[in-house]
Amino acid sequence: MKVENKVKPNDEQMAGFLEGDIDSPIEMVNLLKFKNKAEYEDGRITELSGEEAYAIYGMEVQEHLKKVGGESIFFGTVERLMLGEVEELWDWVAIAKYPSRKAMLEMMSDPDYQESEKHRSAGLKGQLNIETKAQ
């Protein structure tokens, strides 16, 4: 199994996100890997670690989630791998609940969210973002 962390979805992944059932509730499982030092796209000088930059995003995203009816339901540090094998462990796991894909897209399109997202991009080396639905 090939595992490749990314910061942004590719075109095919984004197109799939916009297809099918966009109105049912979803939970997004985020497996997060941080940069050693945050790197902002605007070139600003910072002493923040990747984890510290992402933590700023993590605090700010709580309000963005609320605006669209979502919520953060879990976040924590990865301590060890209990089962299976991967070359490198992720640093954090976070799970967010959204009323729908449509709500998540609304949040991602909000200019206030996009300002907060700069901290996410600055801090992340990459992640896996796994969409789930309760059964």
C-alpha atoms as a PDB file:
ATOM      1  CA  MET A   1       0.000   0.000   0.000  1.00  0.00           C
ATOM      2  CA  LYS A   2       1.401   3.359  -1.031  1.00  0.00           C
ATOM      3  CA  VAL A   3       0.815   6.220   1.421  1.00  0.00           C
ATOM      4  CA  GLU A   4       1.491   9.795   0.318  1.00  0.00           C
ATOM      5  CA  ASN A   5       0.677  12.810   2.489  1.00  0.00           C
ATOM      6  CA  LYS A   6      -0.539  15.948   0.688  1.00  0.00           C
ATOM      7  CA  VAL A   7      -1.618  19.446   1.721  1.00  0.00           C
ATOM      8  CA  LYS A   8      -4.257  20.012  -1.010  1.00  0.00           C
ATOM      9  CA  PRO A   9      -6.582  17.591  -2.844  1.00  0.00           C
ATOM     10  CA  ASN A  10      -5.836  16.888  -6.492  1.00  0.00           C
ATOM     11  CA  ASP A  11      -8.362  17.723  -9.228  1.00  0.00           C
ATOM     12  CA  GLU A  12      -9.811  14.192  -9.291  1.00  0.00           C
ATOM     13  CA  GLN A  13     -10.288  14.139  -5.511  1.00  0.00           C
ATOM     14  CA  MET A  14     -11.963  17.560  -5.540  1.00  0.00           C
ATOM     15  CA  ALA A  15     -14.258  16.562  -8.416  1.00  0.00           C
ATOM     16  CA  GLY A  16     -15.289  13.427  -6.490  1.00  0.00           C
ATOM     17  CA  PHE A  17     -16.007  15.541  -3.413  1.00  0.00           C
ATOM     18  CA  LEU A  18     -18.512  17.576  -5.445  1.00  0.00           C
ATOM     19  CA  GLU A  19     -20.330  14.517  -6.885  1.00  0.00           C
ATOM     20  CA  GLY A  20     -23.028  12.289  -5.468  1.00  0.00           C
ATOM     21  CA  ASP A  21     -24.533  12.807  -2.039  1.00  0.00           C
ATOM     22  CA  ILE A  22     -23.399  16.260  -0.927  1.00  0.00           C
ATOM     23  CA  ASP A  23     -26.175  16.706   1.665  1.00  0.00           C
ATOM     24  CA  SER A  24     -25.591  13.876   4.185  1.00  0.00           C
ATOM     25  CA  PRO A  25     -23.499  14.310   7.343  1.00  0.00           C
ATOM     26  CA  ILE A  26     -19.806  13.338   7.145  1.00  0.00           C
ATOM     27  CA  GLU A  27     -16.854  13.045   9.475  1.00  0.00           C
ATOM     28  CA  MET A  28     -13.376  13.847   8.228  1.00  0.00           C
ATOM     29  CA  VAL A  29     -10.496  11.913   9.765  1.00  0.00           C
ATOM     30  CA  ASN A  30      -7.277  13.913   9.431  1.00  0.00           C
ATOM     31  CA  LEU A  31      -3.889  12.226   9.842  1.00  0.00           C
ATOM     32  CA  LEU A  32      -1.485  15.153  10.172  1.00  0.00           C
ATOM     33  CA  LYS A  33       2.286  15.397   9.637  1.00  0.00           C
ATOM     34  CA  PHE A  34       3.977  18.711  10.478  1.00  0.00           C
ATOM     35  CA  LYS A  35       6.987  20.523   9.080  1.00  0.00           C
ATOM     36  CA  ASN A  36       9.837  21.118  11.499  1.00  0.00           C
ATOM     37  CA  LYS A  37       9.527  24.887  10.894  1.00  0.00           C
ATOM     38  CA  ALA A  38       6.444  26.694   9.577  1.00  0.00           C
ATOM     39  CA  GLU A  39       6.769  28.088   6.056  1.00  0.00           C
ATOM     40  CA  TYR A  40       4.223  30.713   5.038  1.00  0.00           C
ATOM     41  CA  GLU A  41       3.428  31.146   1.343  1.00  0.00           C
ATOM     42  CA  ASP A  42       3.582  34.944   1.718  1.00  0.00           C
ATOM     43  CA  GLY A  43       7.230  34.654   2.818  1.00  0.00           C
ATOM     44  CA  ARG A  44       6.706  36.071   6.301  1.00  0.00           C
ATOM     45  CA  ILE A  45       9.482  35.433   8.789  1.00  0.00           C
ATOM     46  CA  THR A  46       8.429  33.204  11.681  1.00  0.00           C
ATOM     47  CA  GLU A  47       9.966  31.198  14.472  1.00  0.00           C
ATOM     48  CA  LEU A  48       6.899  28.963  14.709  1.00  0.00           C
ATOM     49  CA  SER A  49       7.243  25.222  14.318  1.00  0.00           C
ATOM     50  CA  GLY A  50       4.887  23.520  11.912  1.00  0.00           C
ATOM     51  CA  GLU A  51       2.936  22.149  14.854  1.00  0.00           C
ATOM     52  CA  GLU A  52       2.611  25.635  16.402  1.00  0.00           C
ATOM     53  CA  ALA A  53       1.367  27.139  13.121  1.00  0.00           C
ATOM     54  CA  TYR A  54      -1.156  24.339  12.732  1.00  0.00           C
ATOM     55  CA  ALA A  55      -2.279  24.832  16.348  1.00  0.00           C
ATOM     56  CA  ILE A  56      -3.219  28.436  15.440  1.00  0.00           C
ATOM     57  CA  TYR A  57      -5.322  27.046  12.589  1.00  0.00           C
ATOM     58  CA  GLY A  58      -6.764  24.430  14.945  1.00  0.00           C
ATOM     59  CA  MET A  59      -8.020  27.099  17.347  1.00  0.00           C
ATOM     60  CA  GLU A  60      -9.392  29.342  14.596  1.00  0.00           C
ATOM     61  CA  VAL A  61     -11.106  26.536  12.671  1.00  0.00           C
ATOM     62  CA  GLN A  62     -13.416  25.890  15.648  1.00  0.00           C
ATOM     63  CA  GLU A  63     -15.368  29.070  14.816  1.00  0.00           C
ATOM     64  CA  HIS A  64     -15.385  28.303  11.093  1.00  0.00           C
ATOM     65  CA  LEU A  65     -16.834  24.860  11.821  1.00  0.00           C
ATOM     66  CA  LYS A  66     -19.551  26.386  14.031  1.00  0.00           C
ATOM     67  CA  LYS A  67     -20.539  28.846  11.277  1.00  0.00           C
ATOM     68  CA  VAL A  68     -21.500  25.935   8.989  1.00  0.00           C
ATOM     69  CA  GLY A  69     -22.980  23.698  11.701  1.00  0.00           C
ATOM     70  CA  GLY A  70     -19.891  21.504  12.094  1.00  0.00           C
ATOM     71  CA  GLU A  71     -17.761  20.638  15.084  1.00  0.00           C
ATOM     72  CA  SER A  72     -14.404  19.255  16.064  1.00  0.00           C
ATOM     73  CA  ILE A  73     -15.042  15.915  17.751  1.00  0.00           C
ATOM     74  CA  PHE A  74     -11.491  14.716  18.469  1.00  0.00           C
ATOM     75  CA  PHE A  75      -7.850  15.682  18.227  1.00  0.00           C
ATOM     76  CA  GLY A  76      -4.798  14.150  19.796  1.00  0.00           C
ATOM     77  CA  THR A  77      -1.146  13.305  19.316  1.00  0.00           C
ATOM     78  CA  VAL A  78      -0.083  10.024  17.766  1.00  0.00           C
ATOM     79  CA  GLU A  79       1.805   8.045  20.405  1.00  0.00           C
ATOM     80  CA  ARG A  80       2.678   4.819  18.624  1.00  0.00           C
ATOM     81  CA  LEU A  81       1.501   2.316  16.044  1.00  0.00           C
ATOM     82  CA  MET A  82      -0.418  -0.541  17.653  1.00  0.00           C
ATOM     83  CA  LEU A  83      -1.054  -2.574  14.494  1.00  0.00           C
ATOM     84  CA  GLY A  84       0.247  -2.555  10.939  1.00  0.00           C
ATOM     85  CA  GLU A  85       3.263  -0.892   9.408  1.00  0.00           C
ATOM     86  CA  VAL A  86       4.005   2.523   7.950  1.00  0.00           C
ATOM     87  CA  GLU A  87       7.328   4.126   7.142  1.00  0.00           C
ATOM     88  CA  GLU A  88       6.608   7.171   9.277  1.00  0.00           C
ATOM     89  CA  LEU A  89       3.868   7.917  11.793  1.00  0.00           C
ATOM     90  CA  TRP A  90       1.657  10.978  11.643  1.00  0.00           C
ATOM     91  CA  ASP A  91       1.972  13.586  14.404  1.00  0.00           C
ATOM     92  CA  TRP A  92      -1.689  14.262  15.192  1.00  0.00           C
ATOM     93  CA  VAL A  93      -5.114  12.835  14.437  1.00  0.00           C
ATOM     94  CA  ALA A  94      -8.115  15.161  14.213  1.00  0.00           C
ATOM     95  CA  ILE A  95     -11.746  14.357  13.429  1.00  0.00           C
ATOM     96  CA  ALA A  96     -14.256  17.000  12.356  1.00  0.00           C
ATOM     97  CA  LYS A  97     -17.982  16.503  11.815  1.00  0.00           C
ATOM     98  CA  TYR A  98     -19.854  18.406   9.100  1.00  0.00           C
ATOM     99  CA  PRO A  99     -23.590  18.469   8.404  1.00  0.00           C
ATOM    100  CA  SER A 100     -22.697  17.776   4.736  1.00  0.00           C
ATOM    101  CA  ARG A 101     -20.016  18.051   2.074  1.00  0.00           C
ATOM    102  CA  LYS A 102     -21.866  21.176   0.956  1.00  0.00           C
ATOM    103  CA  ALA A 103     -21.280  22.724   4.407  1.00  0.00           C
ATOM    104  CA  MET A 104     -17.590  21.798   4.313  1.00  0.00           C
ATOM    105  CA  LEU A 105     -17.244  23.385   0.879  1.00  0.00           C
ATOM    106  CA  GLU A 106     -19.045  26.508   2.150  1.00  0.00           C
ATOM    107  CA  MET A 107     -16.541  26.742   4.995  1.00  0.00           C
ATOM    108  CA  MET A 108     -13.552  26.256   2.672  1.00  0.00           C
ATOM    109  CA  SER A 109     -14.882  29.007   0.358  1.00  0.00           C
ATOM    110  CA  ASP A 110     -15.278  31.574   3.159  1.00  0.00           C
ATOM    111  CA  PRO A 111     -12.594  34.321   2.950  1.00  0.00           C
ATOM    112  CA  ASP A 112     -12.236  34.277   6.755  1.00  0.00           C
ATOM    113  CA  TYR A 113     -11.510  30.551   6.641  1.00  0.00           C
ATOM    114  CA  GLN A 114      -9.031  31.043   3.810  1.00  0.00           C
ATOM    115  CA  GLU A 115      -7.126  33.488   6.010  1.00  0.00           C
ATOM    116  CA  SER A 116      -6.950  30.889   8.801  1.00  0.00           C
ATOM    117  CA  GLU A 117      -5.983  28.194   6.300  1.00  0.00           C
ATOM    118  CA  LYS A 118      -2.659  29.978   5.736  1.00  0.00           C
ATOM    119  CA  HIS A 119      -1.555  28.643   9.138  1.00  0.00           C
ATOM    120  CA  ARG A 120      -2.625  25.124   8.141  1.00  0.00           C
ATOM    121  CA  SER A 121      -0.609  25.214   4.920  1.00  0.00           C
ATOM    122  CA  ALA A 122       2.376  26.780   6.664  1.00  0.00           C
ATOM    123  CA  GLY A 123       2.504  24.055   9.286  1.00  0.00           C
ATOM    124  CA  LEU A 124       1.617  20.900   7.384  1.00  0.00           C
ATOM    125  CA  LYS A 125       4.184  18.726   5.706  1.00  0.00           C
ATOM    126  CA  GLY A 126       1.150  16.742   4.525  1.00  0.00           C
ATOM    127  CA  GLN A 127      -1.870  14.788   5.635  1.00  0.00           C
ATOM    128  CA  LEU A 128      -4.371  12.131   4.784  1.00  0.00           C
ATOM    129  CA  ASN A 129      -7.942  13.415   4.884  1.00  0.00           C
ATOM    130  CA  ILE A 130     -10.389  10.507   5.004  1.00  0.00           C
ATOM    131  CA  GLU A 131     -14.110  11.122   4.498  1.00  0.00           C
ATOM    132  CA  THR A 132     -16.362   8.827   6.533  1.00  0.00           C
ATOM    133  CA  LYS A 133     -20.114   8.377   7.067  1.00  0.00           C
ATOM    134  CA  ALA A 134     -21.727   6.841  10.110  1.00  0.00           C
ATOM    135  CA  GLN A 135     -23.486   3.556   9.442  1.00  0.00           C
END
